[in-house]
Amino acid sequence: MTMGLWFMNRYKLLEFMRFLKHYALNKAMYKNYFLFRKQDKNKKVRILIIAQLPEVWNSVKTVYETAVNHEDIDLKILAIPKFKSPTDRSFQGNPEKNEMYDFLNSLGIDCINAYDCLQGKWVSIQSLTPHYVIYTRSYNDQIPAIYGSNIVCSIAKTCYIPYAYNMMDNEFRITFNANFLTYINYTFVASRSRLDMCKREYYFQNKLGISQFIYLGFPRFDLLSQDTAVNSHYTIAWLPRWTSEKDGKENKKSHFFEYYMKFIEWAGRHKEVEIIIRPHPLMFDNFIDSGIMSIEKVEEFKNKCRLSDSIHIDKDKDYMPLLRKADVLIADYTSLLIEYFVTGKPIIYCDNADNLSQEALIMDAALYHAKSFMDITNILSDLYKGNDIKREERENAILELLPKSKDGKSAGQTIVEFILNDFMNL
């Protein structure tokens, strides 16, 4: 046996042992198939969406819009509050403070507050009697334990629509981690490379039909067909990453500390442009929690932006208005790169191509790359003058990357149809 085959077989053995571990911990999931065959097919399909973080709502928005208007579906949304910080697993303030619940209500969307204030306890999934439960985040340790996929899989069929277009091969198990995914019946992946990787990494679950992986497109792309905004100023969006040197070398670098004062100074000299900063939702909390930025320093920075006529922080819970408005995007690594990329507008990327997926590499070849703030300002100067030398490369890459729609339907519509067909065929 060659060394390569030995490693491959050893890897498969480890994966099989991991599968047996999860199977032993929760056999209830694998009995669901028998339970569902007894369902009355004349009733509506009951779908429950577990929603957490307003910034993630776009991942499931077109699924919701399709399902809520379908005569054969009874749709509910369970809104869950978020934790205080990446390392502090307590809920913000108290469970009664539910940012997701308030956000959905502000949009006129009916939803259930996961914390029942009158009863003083979490709402049970059993009481909602769903046939299917859809997750948009893959972290059982960031939600109340009773809503974890390892518990819910014994109550309903579980589905996962990834909150992000995972583009980093070495971060695959962040978006698709085993502690969550082993208890998911259907994972609707966002790209073909992730379909292949999921089938390979979760070989036994997939082969046995316990965890199935399906590629039907990325629901967030459904939202990008809408018209872009008309601006009074040339608008620059800057998306700094949330990481610091304390988050380990495997994480791509944030350029926030390197560039934030330079952006403020540059904006002061260029009144003809508007700079909108949209930090990662975890960025300031992570910097404060890590001790590399004080609360006072964060407030000082925010105050400088408030006082400026040319630069400010985007506070909208929905990032889509910014993507439509911005004429150019400057960003560290973020899953929003590819969403902005398919709008056809230019991107200045402040990182490298290390560990990018095959789809992300196609995108990366059509990006502008900057290794310094001077690189950024030089590229901005050219773009402002209309010298966009990467335009044709972007257009060709977009044609290669965008999934072909099935019968002109959106990804959200196709996912809902899959669930309906699955229910009827049980």
Protein backbone atom coordinates (compact mmCIF):
# COMPACT_ATOMS: atom_id res chain seq x y z
CA MET A 1 0.00 0.00 0.00
CA THR A 2 1.41 3.39 -0.97
CA MET A 3 1.75 6.18 1.57
CA GLY A 4 -0.99 8.16 -0.23
CA LEU A 5 -3.47 5.27 -0.05
CA TRP A 6 -2.61 4.71 3.61
CA PHE A 7 -3.41 8.31 4.48
CA MET A 8 -6.60 8.20 2.40
CA ASN A 9 -7.84 5.02 4.09
CA ARG A 10 -6.90 6.36 7.51
CA TYR A 11 -8.83 9.54 6.74
CA LYS A 12 -11.90 7.52 5.69
CA LEU A 13 -11.64 5.47 8.87
CA LEU A 14 -11.55 8.63 11.01
CA GLU A 15 -14.57 9.99 9.15
CA PHE A 16 -16.43 6.72 9.71
CA MET A 17 -15.64 6.81 13.43
CA ARG A 18 -16.89 10.39 13.59
CA PHE A 19 -20.10 9.31 11.85
CA LEU A 20 -20.63 6.41 14.27
CA LYS A 21 -20.12 8.77 17.20
CA HIS A 22 -22.87 11.11 16.03
CA TYR A 23 -25.13 8.21 15.12
CA ALA A 24 -24.78 6.76 18.62
CA LEU A 25 -25.45 10.12 20.25
CA ASN A 26 -28.69 10.72 18.41
CA LYS A 27 -30.44 7.80 16.77
CA ALA A 28 -33.74 9.69 16.77
CA MET A 29 -32.85 11.57 13.60
CA TYR A 30 -32.61 8.37 11.59
CA LYS A 31 -36.11 7.33 12.65
CA ASN A 32 -37.67 10.48 11.18
CA TYR A 33 -38.15 8.87 7.79
CA PHE A 34 -40.63 6.38 9.27
CA LEU A 35 -42.43 9.08 11.22
CA PHE A 36 -42.82 11.32 8.19
CA ARG A 37 -44.34 8.58 6.07
CA LYS A 38 -47.31 8.67 8.45
CA GLN A 39 -47.96 12.38 7.82
CA ASP A 40 -51.31 13.37 6.29
CA LYS A 41 -50.40 14.59 2.80
CA ASN A 42 -53.68 16.53 2.56
CA LYS A 43 -52.46 18.95 5.19
CA LYS A 44 -50.24 21.96 4.51
CA VAL A 45 -46.51 21.52 4.82
CA ARG A 46 -45.44 23.20 8.05
CA ILE A 47 -42.08 24.96 7.65
CA LEU A 48 -40.26 26.74 10.47
CA ILE A 49 -37.36 29.12 9.80
CA ILE A 50 -34.97 29.64 12.71
CA ALA A 51 -33.70 33.21 12.26
CA GLN A 52 -30.82 34.83 14.12
CA LEU A 53 -28.89 38.02 13.25
CA PRO A 54 -30.60 40.57 10.94
CA GLU A 55 -27.48 40.61 8.75
CA VAL A 56 -28.15 36.97 7.83
CA TRP A 57 -31.81 37.40 6.83
CA ASN A 58 -30.99 37.87 3.13
CA SER A 59 -29.77 34.26 3.00
CA VAL A 60 -33.32 33.04 3.37
CA LYS A 61 -35.35 36.07 2.24
CA THR A 62 -36.49 34.72 -1.15
CA VAL A 63 -37.24 31.34 0.44
CA TYR A 64 -39.49 33.16 2.91
CA GLU A 65 -41.12 35.26 0.17
CA THR A 66 -41.91 32.14 -1.85
CA ALA A 67 -43.16 30.05 1.08
CA VAL A 68 -45.27 32.71 2.81
CA ASN A 69 -47.39 33.15 -0.31
CA HIS A 70 -47.76 29.46 -1.12
CA GLU A 71 -51.20 27.96 -0.51
CA ASP A 72 -49.77 24.57 0.44
CA ILE A 73 -47.39 25.90 3.10
CA ASP A 74 -47.91 26.98 6.69
CA LEU A 75 -44.82 29.08 7.44
CA LYS A 76 -43.55 30.26 10.81
CA ILE A 77 -40.38 32.12 11.82
CA LEU A 78 -38.71 31.70 15.20
CA ALA A 79 -36.55 34.73 16.03
CA ILE A 80 -33.60 34.00 18.34
CA PRO A 81 -31.49 36.65 20.14
CA LYS A 82 -27.73 36.70 19.68
CA PHE A 83 -24.89 36.17 22.11
CA LYS A 84 -23.06 39.12 23.61
CA SER A 85 -19.72 38.45 21.88
CA PRO A 86 -17.75 35.67 20.17
CA THR A 87 -16.35 34.51 23.54
CA ASP A 88 -19.18 35.54 25.88
CA ARG A 89 -22.02 33.04 25.35
CA SER A 90 -24.56 34.97 27.44
CA PHE A 91 -27.37 36.67 25.56
CA GLN A 92 -27.25 40.42 25.05
CA GLY A 93 -28.79 42.07 28.10
CA ASN A 94 -31.41 39.35 28.65
CA PRO A 95 -33.35 36.97 26.41
CA GLU A 96 -36.24 39.44 26.23
CA LYS A 97 -34.04 41.75 24.15
CA ASN A 98 -34.33 40.16 20.73
CA GLU A 99 -32.76 42.13 17.89
CA MET A 100 -33.95 39.63 15.25
CA TYR A 101 -37.53 39.81 16.48
CA ASP A 102 -37.49 43.61 16.40
CA PHE A 103 -35.91 43.61 12.93
CA LEU A 104 -38.50 41.31 11.39
CA ASN A 105 -41.32 43.26 13.02
CA SER A 106 -39.92 46.47 11.53
CA LEU A 107 -40.30 44.84 8.11
CA GLY A 108 -43.89 43.83 8.85
CA ILE A 109 -42.95 40.13 8.97
CA ASP A 110 -44.85 37.96 11.45
CA CYS A 111 -42.54 36.00 13.71
CA ILE A 112 -42.36 34.33 17.10
CA ASN A 113 -40.07 35.62 19.84
CA ALA A 114 -38.06 32.56 20.88
CA TYR A 115 -38.20 33.70 24.49
CA ASP A 116 -41.72 33.65 25.93
CA CYS A 117 -41.65 36.58 28.37
CA LEU A 118 -44.96 35.63 29.98
CA GLN A 119 -43.88 32.05 30.66
CA GLY A 120 -40.26 33.01 31.33
CA LYS A 121 -38.88 30.25 29.11
CA TRP A 122 -37.89 29.38 25.55
CA VAL A 123 -40.63 28.44 23.11
CA SER A 124 -40.45 24.72 22.34
CA ILE A 125 -40.10 23.48 18.77
CA GLN A 126 -42.54 20.66 19.57
CA SER A 127 -45.30 23.19 20.27
CA LEU A 128 -44.90 24.60 16.74
CA THR A 129 -45.25 21.10 15.16
CA PRO A 130 -43.08 21.74 12.07
CA HIS A 131 -42.46 19.19 9.34
CA TYR A 132 -39.29 21.01 8.24
CA VAL A 133 -36.98 23.35 10.18
CA ILE A 134 -34.65 25.62 8.20
CA TYR A 135 -31.43 26.94 9.73
CA THR A 136 -29.36 29.78 8.31
CA ARG A 137 -26.45 29.52 10.77
CA SER A 138 -24.46 26.37 11.49
CA TYR A 139 -23.52 26.88 15.15
CA ASN A 140 -25.32 24.85 17.80
CA ASP A 141 -23.18 26.53 20.47
CA GLN A 142 -24.52 29.99 19.58
CA ILE A 143 -28.22 29.27 20.16
CA PRO A 144 -30.21 27.93 23.11
CA ALA A 145 -29.51 24.20 23.44
CA ILE A 146 -33.13 23.19 22.77
CA TYR A 147 -32.87 24.66 19.26
CA GLY A 148 -29.69 22.77 18.32
CA SER A 149 -29.85 20.58 15.24
CA ASN A 150 -29.01 17.55 17.43
CA ILE A 151 -32.30 18.08 19.30
CA VAL A 152 -34.54 19.38 16.49
CA CYS A 153 -33.65 16.48 14.17
CA SER A 154 -35.81 14.20 16.35
CA ILE A 155 -38.81 16.52 15.88
CA ALA A 156 -38.72 17.51 12.21
CA LYS A 157 -36.68 17.22 9.06
CA THR A 158 -33.81 19.66 9.26
CA CYS A 159 -32.52 21.90 6.45
CA TYR A 160 -29.56 24.27 6.24
CA ILE A 161 -29.24 27.22 3.88
CA PRO A 162 -25.72 28.64 4.47
CA TYR A 163 -25.59 32.22 5.67
CA ALA A 164 -22.53 32.88 3.50
CA TYR A 165 -20.98 31.89 0.19
CA ASN A 166 -18.07 29.96 1.68
CA MET A 167 -14.96 30.75 -0.41
CA MET A 168 -12.13 29.53 1.81
CA ASP A 169 -11.21 25.85 1.56
CA ASN A 170 -9.41 25.90 4.90
CA GLU A 171 -12.52 27.40 6.56
CA PHE A 172 -14.86 24.77 5.15
CA ARG A 173 -15.70 23.26 8.54
CA ILE A 174 -16.61 26.66 9.97
CA THR A 175 -19.59 27.00 7.65
CA PHE A 176 -20.10 23.22 7.44
CA ASN A 177 -19.10 21.93 10.88
CA ALA A 178 -19.76 18.32 11.87
CA ASN A 179 -21.37 19.03 15.26
CA PHE A 180 -24.16 20.82 13.39
CA LEU A 181 -24.25 19.24 9.95
CA THR A 182 -24.42 15.59 11.02
CA TYR A 183 -27.99 16.26 12.20
CA ILE A 184 -29.11 18.06 9.04
CA ASN A 185 -31.16 16.18 6.46
CA TYR A 186 -30.78 18.63 3.57
CA THR A 187 -27.98 21.15 3.08
CA PHE A 188 -28.54 23.55 0.18
CA VAL A 189 -24.96 24.47 -0.76
CA ALA A 190 -24.13 27.73 -2.55
CA SER A 191 -21.60 26.44 -5.10
CA ARG A 192 -20.49 23.32 -6.95
CA SER A 193 -17.14 23.20 -5.16
CA ARG A 194 -18.94 23.10 -1.81
CA LEU A 195 -21.24 20.38 -3.12
CA ASP A 196 -18.22 18.26 -3.99
CA MET A 197 -16.47 19.01 -0.71
CA CYS A 198 -19.54 18.24 1.42
CA LYS A 199 -20.03 14.90 -0.33
CA ARG A 200 -16.38 14.08 0.24
CA GLU A 201 -16.07 15.28 3.84
CA TYR A 202 -19.40 13.76 4.91
CA TYR A 203 -19.05 10.66 2.79
CA PHE A 204 -20.89 8.15 4.97
CA GLN A 205 -23.85 10.37 5.84
CA ASN A 206 -24.24 11.25 2.17
CA LYS A 207 -23.89 7.69 0.86
CA LEU A 208 -26.46 6.40 3.33
CA GLY A 209 -28.85 9.22 2.41
CA ILE A 210 -28.93 10.57 5.96
CA SER A 211 -27.39 13.96 5.16
CA GLN A 212 -28.00 15.01 1.58
CA PHE A 213 -26.28 17.91 -0.18
CA ILE A 214 -28.08 19.80 -2.94
CA TYR A 215 -26.91 22.62 -5.21
CA LEU A 216 -29.81 24.81 -6.37
CA GLY A 217 -28.12 28.21 -6.37
CA PHE A 218 -27.51 30.84 -3.69
CA PRO A 219 -30.65 32.71 -2.46
CA ARG A 220 -28.70 35.91 -1.82
CA PHE A 221 -27.96 36.15 -5.54
CA ASP A 222 -31.73 36.37 -6.11
CA LEU A 223 -31.70 39.85 -4.57
CA LEU A 224 -29.04 41.32 -6.85
CA SER A 225 -31.26 41.65 -9.91
CA GLN A 226 -32.85 44.77 -8.49
CA ASP A 227 -31.79 48.20 -9.78
CA THR A 228 -28.78 49.92 -8.23
CA ALA A 229 -29.15 53.28 -6.51
CA VAL A 230 -28.49 56.65 -8.14
CA ASN A 231 -25.86 58.55 -6.16
CA SER A 232 -25.19 62.24 -5.73
CA HIS A 233 -21.57 61.41 -4.80
CA TYR A 234 -19.11 58.79 -6.00
CA THR A 235 -19.66 56.19 -3.29
CA ILE A 236 -16.96 53.95 -1.85
CA ALA A 237 -17.84 51.06 0.47
CA TRP A 238 -15.14 49.72 2.82
CA LEU A 239 -15.65 46.34 4.50
CA PRO A 240 -12.89 45.66 7.06
CA ARG A 241 -12.62 42.14 8.47
CA TRP A 242 -13.37 41.29 12.12
CA THR A 243 -10.16 39.42 12.96
CA SER A 244 -7.04 40.47 14.84
CA GLU A 245 -3.63 38.91 15.33
CA LYS A 246 -5.08 37.17 18.40
CA ASP A 247 -7.48 35.16 16.23
CA GLY A 248 -4.66 33.03 14.82
CA LYS A 249 -2.62 32.96 11.64
CA GLU A 250 -5.17 30.75 9.89
CA ASN A 251 -7.59 33.70 9.79
CA LYS A 252 -7.17 36.24 7.03
CA LYS A 253 -6.03 39.63 8.23
CA SER A 254 -8.11 42.70 8.98
CA HIS A 255 -6.66 45.96 7.68
CA PHE A 256 -8.82 48.10 9.94
CA PHE A 257 -6.00 49.31 12.21
CA GLU A 258 -3.70 49.87 9.26
CA TYR A 259 -6.14 51.99 7.25
CA TYR A 260 -8.89 53.53 9.37
CA MET A 261 -7.12 56.80 10.22
CA LYS A 262 -5.85 57.08 6.66
CA PHE A 263 -9.39 56.74 5.33
CA ILE A 264 -10.60 59.50 7.66
CA GLU A 265 -7.78 61.81 6.55
CA TRP A 266 -8.25 60.95 2.85
CA ALA A 267 -12.00 61.53 3.07
CA GLY A 268 -11.35 64.98 4.53
CA ARG A 269 -9.39 65.92 1.37
CA HIS A 270 -11.88 64.43 -1.09
CA LYS A 271 -15.29 65.98 -0.55
CA GLU A 272 -16.41 64.75 -3.97
CA VAL A 273 -16.69 61.19 -2.69
CA GLU A 274 -18.65 59.48 0.06
CA ILE A 275 -17.00 56.65 2.04
CA ILE A 276 -19.31 54.23 3.83
CA ILE A 277 -17.67 51.84 6.30
CA ARG A 278 -19.50 48.62 7.07
CA PRO A 279 -17.53 46.64 9.66
CA HIS A 280 -18.23 42.95 10.11
CA PRO A 281 -21.02 42.61 12.76
CA LEU A 282 -18.53 41.00 15.15
CA MET A 283 -15.62 43.38 14.54
CA PHE A 284 -15.83 45.97 17.33
CA ASP A 285 -17.05 43.41 19.89
CA ASN A 286 -14.14 41.14 18.99
CA PHE A 287 -11.57 43.96 19.19
CA ILE A 288 -12.89 45.06 22.59
CA ASP A 289 -13.18 41.49 23.86
CA SER A 290 -9.60 40.76 22.73
CA GLY A 291 -8.31 43.85 24.53
CA ILE A 292 -6.76 45.39 21.40
CA MET A 293 -9.22 48.28 21.27
CA SER A 294 -10.94 49.94 24.22
CA ILE A 295 -14.59 50.96 24.29
CA GLU A 296 -13.38 54.57 24.44
CA LYS A 297 -11.27 54.13 21.27
CA VAL A 298 -14.21 52.59 19.44
CA GLU A 299 -16.44 55.50 20.45
CA GLU A 300 -13.73 57.99 19.44
CA PHE A 301 -13.57 56.44 15.96
CA LYS A 302 -17.36 56.40 15.61
CA ASN A 303 -17.52 60.03 16.70
CA LYS A 304 -14.96 61.05 14.04
CA CYS A 305 -17.19 59.41 11.43
CA ARG A 306 -20.28 61.17 12.83
CA LEU A 307 -18.57 64.54 12.56
CA SER A 308 -17.31 63.97 9.01
CA ASP A 309 -19.21 65.08 5.91
CA SER A 310 -17.51 62.47 3.71
CA ILE A 311 -17.22 59.29 5.77
CA HIS A 312 -19.66 57.42 7.97
CA ILE A 313 -20.49 53.98 9.33
CA ASP A 314 -23.32 51.99 7.79
CA LYS A 315 -25.79 51.06 10.54
CA ASP A 316 -28.41 49.44 8.33
CA LYS A 317 -29.10 45.85 9.41
CA ASP A 318 -29.48 44.95 5.73
CA TYR A 319 -26.23 45.22 3.76
CA MET A 320 -27.99 45.01 0.38
CA PRO A 321 -28.77 48.77 0.08
CA LEU A 322 -25.04 49.47 0.45
CA LEU A 323 -24.09 46.94 -2.24
CA ARG A 324 -26.57 48.58 -4.61
CA LYS A 325 -25.39 52.08 -3.77
CA ALA A 326 -21.61 51.66 -3.80
CA ASP A 327 -19.72 52.48 -7.02
CA VAL A 328 -16.69 50.54 -5.79
CA LEU A 329 -16.00 48.14 -2.95
CA ILE A 330 -12.80 48.00 -0.87
CA ALA A 331 -12.61 44.88 1.27
CA ASP A 332 -10.61 42.42 3.27
CA TYR A 333 -11.71 38.82 2.82
CA THR A 334 -15.48 38.55 3.30
CA SER A 335 -18.17 36.31 1.89
CA LEU A 336 -19.86 39.49 0.61
CA LEU A 337 -17.11 39.82 -2.01
CA ILE A 338 -18.82 37.51 -4.46
CA GLU A 339 -22.22 39.07 -3.86
CA TYR A 340 -20.89 42.50 -4.78
CA PHE A 341 -18.85 41.01 -7.61
CA VAL A 342 -21.92 39.73 -9.44
CA THR A 343 -23.29 43.29 -9.59
CA GLY A 344 -20.51 43.91 -12.13
CA LYS A 345 -18.98 46.82 -10.21
CA PRO A 346 -15.23 46.98 -9.36
CA ILE A 347 -13.65 45.61 -6.19
CA ILE A 348 -10.32 46.53 -4.61
CA TYR A 349 -9.23 43.46 -2.66
CA CYS A 350 -6.79 43.91 0.22
CA ASP A 351 -5.86 40.26 0.70
CA ASN A 352 -4.38 37.34 -1.26
CA ALA A 353 -5.77 34.26 -2.99
CA ASP A 354 -4.50 31.73 -0.43
CA ASN A 355 -6.97 28.88 0.20
CA LEU A 356 -9.68 30.33 -2.05
CA SER A 357 -12.18 27.93 -3.63
CA GLN A 358 -12.27 27.34 -7.38
CA GLU A 359 -15.16 29.83 -7.79
CA ALA A 360 -13.37 32.43 -5.68
CA LEU A 361 -10.20 32.06 -7.75
CA ILE A 362 -12.18 32.88 -10.90
CA MET A 363 -13.44 36.01 -9.14
CA ASP A 364 -10.02 36.89 -7.72
CA ALA A 365 -8.45 37.04 -11.19
CA ALA A 366 -10.85 39.86 -12.08
CA LEU A 367 -10.32 41.94 -8.92
CA TYR A 368 -8.04 44.92 -8.36
CA HIS A 369 -5.45 44.07 -5.69
CA ALA A 370 -3.97 46.49 -3.17
CA LYS A 371 -1.10 45.85 -0.77
CA SER A 372 -0.95 49.37 0.65
CA PHE A 373 -3.14 52.42 1.16
CA MET A 374 -1.29 54.10 -1.71
CA ASP A 375 -2.34 51.22 -3.97
CA ILE A 376 -5.93 51.80 -2.91
CA THR A 377 -5.89 55.54 -3.62
CA ASN A 378 -4.17 55.08 -6.99
CA ILE A 379 -6.78 52.54 -8.11
CA LEU A 380 -9.59 54.78 -6.81
CA SER A 381 -8.19 57.70 -8.81
CA ASP A 382 -8.26 55.64 -12.02
CA LEU A 383 -11.75 54.31 -11.41
CA TYR A 384 -13.10 57.78 -10.61
CA LYS A 385 -11.78 58.95 -13.98
CA GLY A 386 -13.54 56.06 -15.71
CA ASN A 387 -10.44 53.92 -16.27
CA ASP A 388 -11.81 50.50 -15.33
CA ILE A 389 -9.42 48.09 -17.03
CA LYS A 390 -10.90 45.02 -15.28
CA ARG A 391 -14.47 45.53 -16.53
CA GLU A 392 -14.39 42.94 -19.33
CA GLU A 393 -12.68 40.36 -17.10
CA ARG A 394 -15.43 40.80 -14.49
CA GLU A 395 -18.18 40.42 -17.07
CA ASN A 396 -16.70 37.16 -18.36
CA ALA A 397 -16.15 35.83 -14.82
CA ILE A 398 -19.75 36.61 -13.83
CA LEU A 399 -21.06 34.59 -16.78
CA GLU A 400 -18.95 31.67 -15.59
CA LEU A 401 -19.91 31.95 -11.92
CA LEU A 402 -23.63 32.64 -11.87
CA PRO A 403 -25.69 29.45 -11.61
CA LYS A 404 -28.06 28.83 -14.49
CA SER A 405 -31.61 29.29 -13.24
CA LYS A 406 -34.03 26.41 -13.57
CA ASP A 407 -36.97 27.49 -15.75
CA GLY A 408 -36.22 31.10 -14.88
CA LYS A 409 -36.93 30.47 -11.19
CA SER A 410 -34.97 31.94 -8.32
CA ALA A 411 -32.90 29.83 -5.93
CA GLY A 412 -35.47 30.57 -3.21
CA GLN A 413 -38.33 29.24 -5.35
CA THR A 414 -36.37 26.12 -6.32
CA ILE A 415 -35.52 25.30 -2.68
CA VAL A 416 -39.16 25.63 -1.64
CA GLU A 417 -40.21 23.37 -4.52
CA PHE A 418 -37.65 20.79 -3.39
CA ILE A 419 -39.13 20.74 0.13
CA LEU A 420 -42.69 20.43 -1.21
CA ASN A 421 -41.72 17.55 -3.48
CA ASP A 422 -39.83 15.85 -0.68
CA PHE A 423 -42.88 16.01 1.58
CA MET A 424 -45.20 14.59 -1.08
CA ASN A 425 -42.82 11.75 -1.94
CA LEU A 426 -42.32 10.47 1.59
